[in-house]
Amino acid sequence: STGKTGVVQAIHFNRLFLAYWFKRYEEAAEMATLYKSRTMMPLIDIYHAFYGGLTAFHFARRSSEDGPEEWLRNGEKYLSCFKTWATHSNWNWSNKLLLLEAECHF
């Protein structure tokens, strides 16, 4: 049901957020993968894209044995979302866009 999906989505996002901030990147990557984007929770989708992108770029530069190309593609997908959102409201999204771009080029 939609209500249960929303609860699961919120739990995955909260776990992603906490794992990223406590530098548990493997857990953050797992939560980013489990999270399913739905239009019913657009604010959470935005922050999922932000922290999912940061996590992807972390793993992209971590080591060559972890498949950096796949992580880089995932990060660039999230970065692309922020580029689109920034065209609609630069004031709201440019700070996160710039941070994701910096992480991409680090």
PDB file of N, CA and C in Angstrom:
ATOM      1  N   SER A   1       0.842  -1.193   0.000  1.00  0.00           N
ATOM      2  CA  SER A   1       0.000   0.000   0.000  1.00  0.00           C
ATOM      3  C   SER A   1       0.876   1.242   0.000  1.00  0.00           C
ATOM      4  N   THR A   2       0.309   2.341  -0.434  1.00  0.00           N
ATOM      5  CA  THR A   2       1.049   3.591  -0.553  1.00  0.00           C
ATOM      6  C   THR A   2       1.563   4.073   0.802  1.00  0.00           C
ATOM      7  N   GLY A   3       0.752   3.962   1.847  1.00  0.00           N
ATOM      8  CA  GLY A   3       1.176   4.407   3.172  1.00  0.00           C
ATOM      9  C   GLY A   3       2.401   3.667   3.662  1.00  0.00           C
ATOM     10  N   LYS A   4       2.411   2.353   3.469  1.00  0.00           N
ATOM     11  CA  LYS A   4       3.559   1.560   3.911  1.00  0.00           C
ATOM     12  C   LYS A   4       4.792   1.853   3.072  1.00  0.00           C
ATOM     13  N   THR A   5       4.611   2.070   1.795  1.00  0.00           N
ATOM     14  CA  THR A   5       5.740   2.407   0.928  1.00  0.00           C
ATOM     15  C   THR A   5       6.365   3.725   1.368  1.00  0.00           C
ATOM     16  N   GLY A   6       5.535   4.693   1.711  1.00  0.00           N
ATOM     17  CA  GLY A   6       6.037   5.983   2.174  1.00  0.00           C
ATOM     18  C   GLY A   6       6.826   5.868   3.467  1.00  0.00           C
ATOM     19  N   VAL A   7       6.369   5.016   4.363  1.00  0.00           N
ATOM     20  CA  VAL A   7       7.073   4.810   5.633  1.00  0.00           C
ATOM     21  C   VAL A   7       8.428   4.161   5.371  1.00  0.00           C
ATOM     22  N   VAL A   8       8.446   3.140   4.538  1.00  0.00           N
ATOM     23  CA  VAL A   8       9.709   2.469   4.208  1.00  0.00           C
ATOM     24  C   VAL A   8      10.659   3.447   3.532  1.00  0.00           C
ATOM     25  N   GLN A   9      10.131   4.259   2.624  1.00  0.00           N
ATOM     26  CA  GLN A   9      10.944   5.254   1.932  1.00  0.00           C
ATOM     27  C   GLN A   9      11.548   6.233   2.941  1.00  0.00           C
ATOM     28  N   ALA A  10      10.770   6.698   3.888  1.00  0.00           N
ATOM     29  CA  ALA A  10      11.261   7.635   4.901  1.00  0.00           C
ATOM     30  C   ALA A  10      12.338   6.983   5.769  1.00  0.00           C
ATOM     31  N   ILE A  11      12.147   5.729   6.116  1.00  0.00           N
ATOM     32  CA  ILE A  11      13.145   5.017   6.925  1.00  0.00           C
ATOM     33  C   ILE A  11      14.449   4.881   6.153  1.00  0.00           C
ATOM     34  N   HIS A  12      14.372   4.497   4.884  1.00  0.00           N
ATOM     35  CA  HIS A  12      15.589   4.372   4.074  1.00  0.00           C
ATOM     36  C   HIS A  12      16.306   5.707   3.960  1.00  0.00           C
ATOM     37  N   PHE A  13      15.542   6.788   3.774  1.00  0.00           N
ATOM     38  CA  PHE A  13      16.189   8.091   3.675  1.00  0.00           C
ATOM     39  C   PHE A  13      16.873   8.461   4.989  1.00  0.00           C
ATOM     40  N   ASN A  14      16.182   8.273   6.110  1.00  0.00           N
ATOM     41  CA  ASN A  14      16.772   8.623   7.408  1.00  0.00           C
ATOM     42  C   ASN A  14      18.028   7.805   7.683  1.00  0.00           C
ATOM     43  N   ARG A  15      18.009   6.547   7.314  1.00  0.00           N
ATOM     44  CA  ARG A  15      19.202   5.719   7.503  1.00  0.00           C
ATOM     45  C   ARG A  15      20.332   6.174   6.580  1.00  0.00           C
ATOM     46  N   LEU A  16      19.996   6.575   5.357  1.00  0.00           N
ATOM     47  CA  LEU A  16      20.991   7.112   4.431  1.00  0.00           C
ATOM     48  C   LEU A  16      21.628   8.377   5.015  1.00  0.00           C
ATOM     49  N   PHE A  17      20.798   9.280   5.471  1.00  0.00           N
ATOM     50  CA  PHE A  17      21.258  10.551   6.042  1.00  0.00           C
ATOM     51  C   PHE A  17      22.197  10.310   7.223  1.00  0.00           C
ATOM     52  N   LEU A  18      21.774   9.483   8.171  1.00  0.00           N
ATOM     53  CA  LEU A  18      22.593   9.216   9.359  1.00  0.00           C
ATOM     54  C   LEU A  18      23.876   8.472   9.010  1.00  0.00           C
ATOM     55  N   ALA A  19      23.775   7.492   8.134  1.00  0.00           N
ATOM     56  CA  ALA A  19      24.971   6.733   7.764  1.00  0.00           C
ATOM     57  C   ALA A  19      26.002   7.644   7.106  1.00  0.00           C
ATOM     58  N   TYR A  20      25.540   8.540   6.231  1.00  0.00           N
ATOM     59  CA  TYR A  20      26.485   9.451   5.582  1.00  0.00           C
ATOM     60  C   TYR A  20      27.183  10.331   6.616  1.00  0.00           C
ATOM     61  N   TRP A  21      26.414  10.937   7.514  1.00  0.00           N
ATOM     62  CA  TRP A  21      27.003  11.861   8.486  1.00  0.00           C
ATOM     63  C   TRP A  21      27.893  11.184   9.509  1.00  0.00           C
ATOM     64  N   PHE A  22      27.676   9.895   9.759  1.00  0.00           N
ATOM     65  CA  PHE A  22      28.532   9.160  10.681  1.00  0.00           C
ATOM     66  C   PHE A  22      29.594   8.341   9.946  1.00  0.00           C
ATOM     67  N   LYS A  23      29.803   8.668   8.667  1.00  0.00           N
ATOM     68  CA  LYS A  23      30.846   8.086   7.826  1.00  0.00           C
ATOM     69  C   LYS A  23      30.744   6.571   7.711  1.00  0.00           C
ATOM     70  N   ARG A  24      29.524   6.073   7.720  1.00  0.00           N
ATOM     71  CA  ARG A  24      29.282   4.648   7.467  1.00  0.00           C
ATOM     72  C   ARG A  24      28.835   4.541   5.997  1.00  0.00           C
ATOM     73  N   TYR A  25      29.789   4.723   5.099  1.00  0.00           N
ATOM     74  CA  TYR A  25      29.482   4.875   3.687  1.00  0.00           C
ATOM     75  C   TYR A  25      28.894   3.614   3.054  1.00  0.00           C
ATOM     76  N   GLU A  26      29.323   2.442   3.523  1.00  0.00           N
ATOM     77  CA  GLU A  26      28.745   1.209   2.968  1.00  0.00           C
ATOM     78  C   GLU A  26      27.243   1.152   3.251  1.00  0.00           C
ATOM     79  N   GLU A  27      26.852   1.501   4.468  1.00  0.00           N
ATOM     80  CA  GLU A  27      25.428   1.522   4.816  1.00  0.00           C
ATOM     81  C   GLU A  27      24.700   2.601   4.021  1.00  0.00           C
ATOM     82  N   ALA A  28      25.335   3.756   3.848  1.00  0.00           N
ATOM     83  CA  ALA A  28      24.719   4.835   3.067  1.00  0.00           C
ATOM     84  C   ALA A  28      24.476   4.376   1.633  1.00  0.00           C
ATOM     85  N   ALA A  29      25.441   3.679   1.057  1.00  0.00           N
ATOM     86  CA  ALA A  29      25.277   3.184  -0.310  1.00  0.00           C
ATOM     87  C   ALA A  29      24.146   2.164  -0.389  1.00  0.00           C
ATOM     88  N   GLU A  30      24.057   1.295   0.609  1.00  0.00           N
ATOM     89  CA  GLU A  30      22.976   0.307   0.637  1.00  0.00           C
ATOM     90  C   GLU A  30      21.608   0.984   0.717  1.00  0.00           C
ATOM     91  N   MET A  31      21.491   2.003   1.572  1.00  0.00           N
ATOM     92  CA  MET A  31      20.216   2.704   1.712  1.00  0.00           C
ATOM     93  C   MET A  31      19.866   3.480   0.447  1.00  0.00           C
ATOM     94  N   ALA A  32      20.871   4.047  -0.212  1.00  0.00           N
ATOM     95  CA  ALA A  32      20.619   4.762  -1.466  1.00  0.00           C
ATOM     96  C   ALA A  32      20.098   3.805  -2.530  1.00  0.00           C
ATOM     97  N   THR A  33      20.609   2.573  -2.511  1.00  0.00           N
ATOM     98  CA  THR A  33      20.150   1.565  -3.470  1.00  0.00           C
ATOM     99  C   THR A  33      18.736   1.101  -3.150  1.00  0.00           C
ATOM    100  N   LEU A  34      18.422   0.914  -1.879  1.00  0.00           N
ATOM    101  CA  LEU A  34      17.105   0.429  -1.472  1.00  0.00           C
ATOM    102  C   LEU A  34      15.997   1.461  -1.671  1.00  0.00           C
ATOM    103  N   TYR A  35      16.371   2.712  -1.607  1.00  0.00           N
ATOM    104  CA  TYR A  35      15.395   3.788  -1.704  1.00  0.00           C
ATOM    105  C   TYR A  35      14.755   3.786  -3.089  1.00  0.00           C
ATOM    106  N   LYS A  36      13.467   3.868  -3.124  1.00  0.00           N
ATOM    107  CA  LYS A  36      12.742   3.929  -4.402  1.00  0.00           C
ATOM    108  C   LYS A  36      12.105   5.307  -4.514  1.00  0.00           C
ATOM    109  N   SER A  37      12.456   6.044  -5.559  1.00  0.00           N
ATOM    110  CA  SER A  37      11.920   7.393  -5.746  1.00  0.00           C
ATOM    111  C   SER A  37      10.453   7.331  -6.143  1.00  0.00           C
ATOM    112  N   ARG A  38       9.667   8.141  -5.474  1.00  0.00           N
ATOM    113  CA  ARG A  38       8.235   8.239  -5.771  1.00  0.00           C
ATOM    114  C   ARG A  38       7.859   9.711  -5.735  1.00  0.00           C
ATOM    115  N   THR A  39       6.876  10.089  -6.512  1.00  0.00           N
ATOM    116  CA  THR A  39       6.495  11.495  -6.572  1.00  0.00           C
ATOM    117  C   THR A  39       5.704  11.933  -5.345  1.00  0.00           C
ATOM    118  N   MET A  40       5.271  11.007  -4.496  1.00  0.00           N
ATOM    119  CA  MET A  40       4.466  11.407  -3.351  1.00  0.00           C
ATOM    120  C   MET A  40       5.294  12.075  -2.246  1.00  0.00           C
ATOM    121  N   MET A  41       6.626  11.953  -2.284  1.00  0.00           N
ATOM    122  CA  MET A  41       7.482  12.530  -1.248  1.00  0.00           C
ATOM    123  C   MET A  41       8.621  13.311  -1.888  1.00  0.00           C
ATOM    124  N   PRO A  42       8.325  14.374  -2.635  1.00  0.00           N
ATOM    125  CA  PRO A  42       9.370  15.041  -3.412  1.00  0.00           C
ATOM    126  C   PRO A  42      10.488  15.648  -2.573  1.00  0.00           C
ATOM    127  N   LEU A  43      10.220  16.136  -1.369  1.00  0.00           N
ATOM    128  CA  LEU A  43      11.290  16.722  -0.558  1.00  0.00           C
ATOM    129  C   LEU A  43      12.301  15.659  -0.158  1.00  0.00           C
ATOM    130  N   ILE A  44      11.819  14.506   0.225  1.00  0.00           N
ATOM    131  CA  ILE A  44      12.742  13.420   0.562  1.00  0.00           C
ATOM    132  C   ILE A  44      13.510  12.992  -0.676  1.00  0.00           C
ATOM    133  N   ASP A  45      12.862  12.988  -1.845  1.00  0.00           N
ATOM    134  CA  ASP A  45      13.552  12.629  -3.081  1.00  0.00           C
ATOM    135  C   ASP A  45      14.738  13.562  -3.336  1.00  0.00           C
ATOM    136  N   ILE A  46      14.558  14.829  -3.060  1.00  0.00           N
ATOM    137  CA  ILE A  46      15.627  15.807  -3.278  1.00  0.00           C
ATOM    138  C   ILE A  46      16.807  15.523  -2.365  1.00  0.00           C
ATOM    139  N   TYR A  47      16.541  15.285  -1.103  1.00  0.00           N
ATOM    140  CA  TYR A  47      17.641  15.009  -0.182  1.00  0.00           C
ATOM    141  C   TYR A  47      18.234  13.634  -0.417  1.00  0.00           C
ATOM    142  N   HIS A  48      17.438  12.695  -0.907  1.00  0.00           N
ATOM    143  CA  HIS A  48      17.998  11.402  -1.295  1.00  0.00           C
ATOM    144  C   HIS A  48      18.992  11.607  -2.438  1.00  0.00           C
ATOM    145  N   ALA A  49      18.630  12.416  -3.420  1.00  0.00           N
ATOM    146  CA  ALA A  49      19.523  12.682  -4.544  1.00  0.00           C
ATOM    147  C   ALA A  49      20.805  13.346  -4.058  1.00  0.00           C
ATOM    148  N   PHE A  50      20.695  14.252  -3.105  1.00  0.00           N
ATOM    149  CA  PHE A  50      21.873  14.958  -2.592  1.00  0.00           C
ATOM    150  C   PHE A  50      22.815  13.995  -1.864  1.00  0.00           C
ATOM    151  N   TYR A  51      22.297  13.282  -0.873  1.00  0.00           N
ATOM    152  CA  TYR A  51      23.156  12.381  -0.101  1.00  0.00           C
ATOM    153  C   TYR A  51      23.540  11.140  -0.891  1.00  0.00           C
ATOM    154  N   GLY A  52      22.668  10.689  -1.774  1.00  0.00           N
ATOM    155  CA  GLY A  52      23.034   9.587  -2.661  1.00  0.00           C
ATOM    156  C   GLY A  52      24.186   9.988  -3.573  1.00  0.00           C
ATOM    157  N   GLY A  53      24.154  11.222  -4.084  1.00  0.00           N
ATOM    158  CA  GLY A  53      25.238  11.726  -4.924  1.00  0.00           C
ATOM    159  C   GLY A  53      26.540  11.860  -4.165  1.00  0.00           C
ATOM    160  N   LEU A  54      26.477  12.415  -2.955  1.00  0.00           N
ATOM    161  CA  LEU A  54      27.694  12.532  -2.138  1.00  0.00           C
ATOM    162  C   LEU A  54      28.295  11.165  -1.851  1.00  0.00           C
ATOM    163  N   THR A  55      27.433  10.199  -1.528  1.00  0.00           N
ATOM    164  CA  THR A  55      27.902   8.840  -1.242  1.00  0.00           C
ATOM    165  C   THR A  55      28.516   8.210  -2.491  1.00  0.00           C
ATOM    166  N   ALA A  56      27.869   8.378  -3.636  1.00  0.00           N
ATOM    167  CA  ALA A  56      28.390   7.815  -4.888  1.00  0.00           C
ATOM    168  C   ALA A  56      29.761   8.395  -5.225  1.00  0.00           C
ATOM    169  N   PHE A  57      29.930   9.702  -5.080  1.00  0.00           N
ATOM    170  CA  PHE A  57      31.225  10.314  -5.383  1.00  0.00           C
ATOM    171  C   PHE A  57      32.296   9.874  -4.385  1.00  0.00           C
ATOM    172  N   HIS A  58      31.900   9.642  -3.139  1.00  0.00           N
ATOM    173  CA  HIS A  58      32.847   9.116  -2.144  1.00  0.00           C
ATOM    174  C   HIS A  58      33.416   7.782  -2.630  1.00  0.00           C
ATOM    175  N   PHE A  59      32.521   6.873  -3.041  1.00  0.00           N
ATOM    176  CA  PHE A  59      32.970   5.556  -3.487  1.00  0.00           C
ATOM    177  C   PHE A  59      33.683   5.617  -4.838  1.00  0.00           C
ATOM    178  N   ALA A  60      33.338   6.564  -5.685  1.00  0.00           N
ATOM    179  CA  ALA A  60      33.979   6.687  -6.991  1.00  0.00           C
ATOM    180  C   ALA A  60      35.467   6.982  -6.845  1.00  0.00           C
ATOM    181  N   ARG A  61      35.847   7.733  -5.828  1.00  0.00           N
ATOM    182  CA  ARG A  61      37.264   8.065  -5.667  1.00  0.00           C
ATOM    183  C   ARG A  61      37.961   7.180  -4.638  1.00  0.00           C
ATOM    184  N   ARG A  62      37.219   6.268  -4.016  1.00  0.00           N
ATOM    185  CA  ARG A  62      37.780   5.450  -2.934  1.00  0.00           C
ATOM    186  C   ARG A  62      38.860   4.492  -3.425  1.00  0.00           C
ATOM    187  N   SER A  63      38.546   3.667  -4.417  1.00  0.00           N
ATOM    188  CA  SER A  63      39.557   2.771  -4.955  1.00  0.00           C
ATOM    189  C   SER A  63      39.098   2.221  -6.301  1.00  0.00           C
ATOM    190  N   SER A  64      40.039   1.758  -7.066  1.00  0.00           N
ATOM    191  CA  SER A  64      39.719   1.245  -8.399  1.00  0.00           C
ATOM    192  C   SER A  64      39.032  -0.112  -8.346  1.00  0.00           C
ATOM    193  N   GLU A  65      39.161  -0.842  -7.251  1.00  0.00           N
ATOM    194  CA  GLU A  65      38.562  -2.185  -7.184  1.00  0.00           C
ATOM    195  C   GLU A  65      37.078  -2.169  -6.851  1.00  0.00           C
ATOM    196  N   ASP A  66      36.526  -1.055  -6.423  1.00  0.00           N
ATOM    197  CA  ASP A  66      35.113  -0.972  -6.071  1.00  0.00           C
ATOM    198  C   ASP A  66      34.229  -0.573  -7.247  1.00  0.00           C
ATOM    199  N   GLY A  67      34.765  -0.571  -8.463  1.00  0.00           N
ATOM    200  CA  GLY A  67      33.971  -0.187  -9.628  1.00  0.00           C
ATOM    201  C   GLY A  67      33.667   1.292  -9.660  1.00  0.00           C
ATOM    202  N   PRO A  68      34.695   2.142  -9.713  1.00  0.00           N
ATOM    203  CA  PRO A  68      34.466   3.591  -9.638  1.00  0.00           C
ATOM    204  C   PRO A  68      33.617   4.143 -10.773  1.00  0.00           C
ATOM    205  N   GLU A  69      33.663   3.490 -11.933  1.00  0.00           N
ATOM    206  CA  GLU A  69      32.881   4.000 -13.070  1.00  0.00           C
ATOM    207  C   GLU A  69      31.381   3.957 -12.774  1.00  0.00           C
ATOM    208  N   GLU A  70      30.947   2.855 -12.171  1.00  0.00           N
ATOM    209  CA  GLU A  70      29.520   2.739 -11.835  1.00  0.00           C
ATOM    210  C   GLU A  70      29.115   3.768 -10.780  1.00  0.00           C
ATOM    211  N   TRP A  71      29.971   3.957  -9.784  1.00  0.00           N
ATOM    212  CA  TRP A  71      29.669   4.958  -8.753  1.00  0.00           C
ATOM    213  C   TRP A  71      29.659   6.355  -9.355  1.00  0.00           C
ATOM    214  N   LEU A  72      30.588   6.623 -10.259  1.00  0.00           N
ATOM    215  CA  LEU A  72      30.642   7.934 -10.908  1.00  0.00           C
ATOM    216  C   LEU A  72      29.382   8.180 -11.731  1.00  0.00           C
ATOM    217  N   ARG A  73      28.917   7.163 -12.459  1.00  0.00           N
ATOM    218  CA  ARG A  73      27.668   7.299 -13.233  1.00  0.00           C
ATOM    219  C   ARG A  73      26.487   7.595 -12.311  1.00  0.00           C
ATOM    220  N   ASN A  74      26.422   6.889 -11.170  1.00  0.00           N
ATOM    221  CA  ASN A  74      25.332   7.155 -10.225  1.00  0.00           C
ATOM    222  C   ASN A  74      25.401   8.584  -9.701  1.00  0.00           C
ATOM    223  N   GLY A  75      26.596   9.029  -9.328  1.00  0.00           N
ATOM    224  CA  GLY A  75      26.758  10.391  -8.837  1.00  0.00           C
ATOM    225  C   GLY A  75      26.390  11.424  -9.885  1.00  0.00           C
ATOM    226  N   GLU A  76      26.782  11.173 -11.123  1.00  0.00           N
ATOM    227  CA  GLU A  76      26.456  12.108 -12.201  1.00  0.00           C
ATOM    228  C   GLU A  76      24.956  12.145 -12.480  1.00  0.00           C
ATOM    229  N   LYS A  77      24.270  11.029 -12.271  1.00  0.00           N
ATOM    230  CA  LYS A  77      22.814  11.003 -12.439  1.00  0.00           C
ATOM    231  C   LYS A  77      22.169  11.950 -11.412  1.00  0.00           C
ATOM    232  N   TYR A  78      22.629  11.876 -10.163  1.00  0.00           N
ATOM    233  CA  TYR A  78      22.096  12.772  -9.137  1.00  0.00           C
ATOM    234  C   TYR A  78      22.486  14.218  -9.412  1.00  0.00           C
ATOM    235  N   LEU A  79      23.708  14.424  -9.875  1.00  0.00           N
ATOM    236  CA  LEU A  79      24.170  15.767 -10.225  1.00  0.00           C
ATOM    237  C   LEU A  79      23.301  16.363 -11.323  1.00  0.00           C
ATOM    238  N   SER A  80      22.924  15.558 -12.289  1.00  0.00           N
ATOM    239  CA  SER A  80      22.058  16.009 -13.375  1.00  0.00           C
ATOM    240  C   SER A  80      20.703  16.492 -12.849  1.00  0.00           C
ATOM    241  N   CYS A  81      20.182  15.793 -11.846  1.00  0.00           N
ATOM    242  CA  CYS A  81      18.910  16.228 -11.233  1.00  0.00           C
ATOM    243  C   CYS A  81      19.052  17.633 -10.663  1.00  0.00           C
ATOM    244  N   PHE A  82      20.155  17.881  -9.955  1.00  0.00           N
ATOM    245  CA  PHE A  82      20.346  19.200  -9.354  1.00  0.00           C
ATOM    246  C   PHE A  82      20.573  20.275 -10.408  1.00  0.00           C
ATOM    247  N   LYS A  83      21.191  19.934 -11.515  1.00  0.00           N
ATOM    248  CA  LYS A  83      21.341  20.911 -12.599  1.00  0.00           C
ATOM    249  C   LYS A  83      19.970  21.324 -13.134  1.00  0.00           C
ATOM    250  N   THR A  84      19.092  20.356 -13.273  1.00  0.00           N
ATOM    251  CA  THR A  84      17.729  20.656 -13.735  1.00  0.00           C
ATOM    252  C   THR A  84      16.993  21.500 -12.713  1.00  0.00           C
ATOM    253  N   TRP A  85      17.054  21.086 -11.436  1.00  0.00           N
ATOM    254  CA  TRP A  85      16.334  21.825 -10.393  1.00  0.00           C
ATOM    255  C   TRP A  85      16.867  23.245 -10.250  1.00  0.00           C
ATOM    256  N   ALA A  86      18.173  23.431 -10.416  1.00  0.00           N
ATOM    257  CA  ALA A  86      18.764  24.770 -10.285  1.00  0.00           C
ATOM    258  C   ALA A  86      18.281  25.708 -11.383  1.00  0.00           C
ATOM    259  N   THR A  87      17.925  25.163 -12.553  1.00  0.00           N
ATOM    260  CA  THR A  87      17.404  26.032 -13.601  1.00  0.00           C
ATOM    261  C   THR A  87      16.028  26.577 -13.234  1.00  0.00           C
ATOM    262  N   HIS A  88      15.315  25.855 -12.390  1.00  0.00           N
ATOM    263  CA  HIS A  88      13.986  26.300 -11.956  1.00  0.00           C
ATOM    264  C   HIS A  88      14.050  27.216 -10.734  1.00  0.00           C
ATOM    265  N   SER A  89      15.030  26.984  -9.878  1.00  0.00           N
ATOM    266  CA  SER A  89      15.177  27.816  -8.687  1.00  0.00           C
ATOM    267  C   SER A  89      16.639  27.798  -8.251  1.00  0.00           C
ATOM    268  N   ASN A  90      17.423  28.647  -8.854  1.00  0.00           N
ATOM    269  CA  ASN A  90      18.846  28.719  -8.543  1.00  0.00           C
ATOM    270  C   ASN A  90      19.086  29.011  -7.065  1.00  0.00           C
ATOM    271  N   TRP A  91      18.264  29.858  -6.502  1.00  0.00           N
ATOM    272  CA  TRP A  91      18.414  30.245  -5.102  1.00  0.00           C
ATOM    273  C   TRP A  91      18.315  29.035  -4.176  1.00  0.00           C
ATOM    274  N   ASN A  92      17.414  28.115  -4.468  1.00  0.00           N
ATOM    275  CA  ASN A  92      17.215  26.946  -3.612  1.00  0.00           C
ATOM    276  C   ASN A  92      18.269  25.859  -3.804  1.00  0.00           C
ATOM    277  N   TRP A  93      18.738  25.656  -5.018  1.00  0.00           N
ATOM    278  CA  TRP A  93      19.497  24.442  -5.310  1.00  0.00           C
ATOM    279  C   TRP A  93      20.946  24.661  -5.686  1.00  0.00           C
ATOM    280  N   SER A  94      21.369  25.888  -5.943  1.00  0.00           N
ATOM    281  CA  SER A  94      22.736  26.095  -6.431  1.00  0.00           C
ATOM    282  C   SER A  94      23.792  25.690  -5.405  1.00  0.00           C
ATOM    283  N   ASN A  95      23.530  25.870  -4.118  1.00  0.00           N
ATOM    284  CA  ASN A  95      24.535  25.501  -3.121  1.00  0.00           C
ATOM    285  C   ASN A  95      24.802  23.994  -3.131  1.00  0.00           C
ATOM    286  N   LYS A  96      23.754  23.200  -3.232  1.00  0.00           N
ATOM    287  CA  LYS A  96      23.924  21.751  -3.269  1.00  0.00           C
ATOM    288  C   LYS A  96      24.507  21.310  -4.614  1.00  0.00           C
ATOM    289  N   LEU A  97      24.103  21.972  -5.677  1.00  0.00           N
ATOM    290  CA  LEU A  97      24.661  21.687  -6.995  1.00  0.00           C
ATOM    291  C   LEU A  97      26.174  21.923  -6.989  1.00  0.00           C
ATOM    292  N   LEU A  98      26.600  23.050  -6.449  1.00  0.00           N
ATOM    293  CA  LEU A  98      28.031  23.355  -6.420  1.00  0.00           C
ATOM    294  C   LEU A  98      28.810  22.349  -5.582  1.00  0.00           C
ATOM    295  N   LEU A  99      28.241  21.912  -4.476  1.00  0.00           N
ATOM    296  CA  LEU A  99      28.915  20.918  -3.649  1.00  0.00           C
ATOM    297  C   LEU A  99      29.034  19.580  -4.385  1.00  0.00           C
ATOM    298  N   LEU A 100      27.963  19.151  -5.040  1.00  0.00           N
ATOM    299  CA  LEU A 100      28.029  17.910  -5.811  1.00  0.00           C
ATOM    300  C   LEU A 100      29.038  18.026  -6.956  1.00  0.00           C
ATOM    301  N   GLU A 101      29.082  19.174  -7.627  1.00  0.00           N
ATOM    302  CA  GLU A 101      30.065  19.365  -8.696  1.00  0.00           C
ATOM    303  C   GLU A 101      31.495  19.301  -8.143  1.00  0.00           C
ATOM    304  N   ALA A 102      31.714  19.893  -6.986  1.00  0.00           N
ATOM    305  CA  ALA A 102      33.037  19.853  -6.375  1.00  0.00           C
ATOM    306  C   ALA A 102      33.427  18.413  -6.023  1.00  0.00           C
ATOM    307  N   GLU A 103      32.489  17.658  -5.470  1.00  0.00           N
ATOM    308  CA  GLU A 103      32.762  16.263  -5.129  1.00  0.00           C
ATOM    309  C   GLU A 103      33.027  15.432  -6.381  1.00  0.00           C
ATOM    310  N   CYS A 104      32.332  15.739  -7.453  1.00  0.00           N
ATOM    311  CA  CYS A 104      32.524  15.021  -8.713  1.00  0.00           C
ATOM    312  C   CYS A 104      33.932  15.237  -9.260  1.00  0.00           C
ATOM    313  N   HIS A 105      34.465  16.443  -9.095  1.00  0.00           N
ATOM    314  CA  HIS A 105      35.762  16.782  -9.658  1.00  0.00           C
ATOM    315  C   HIS A 105      36.910  16.603  -8.675  1.00  0.00           C
ATOM    316  N   PHE A 106      36.620  16.146  -7.473  1.00  0.00           N
ATOM    317  CA  PHE A 106      37.663  15.995  -6.436  1.00  0.00           C
ATOM    318  C   PHE A 106      38.609  14.872  -6.779  1.00  0.00           C
TER     319      PHE A 106
END
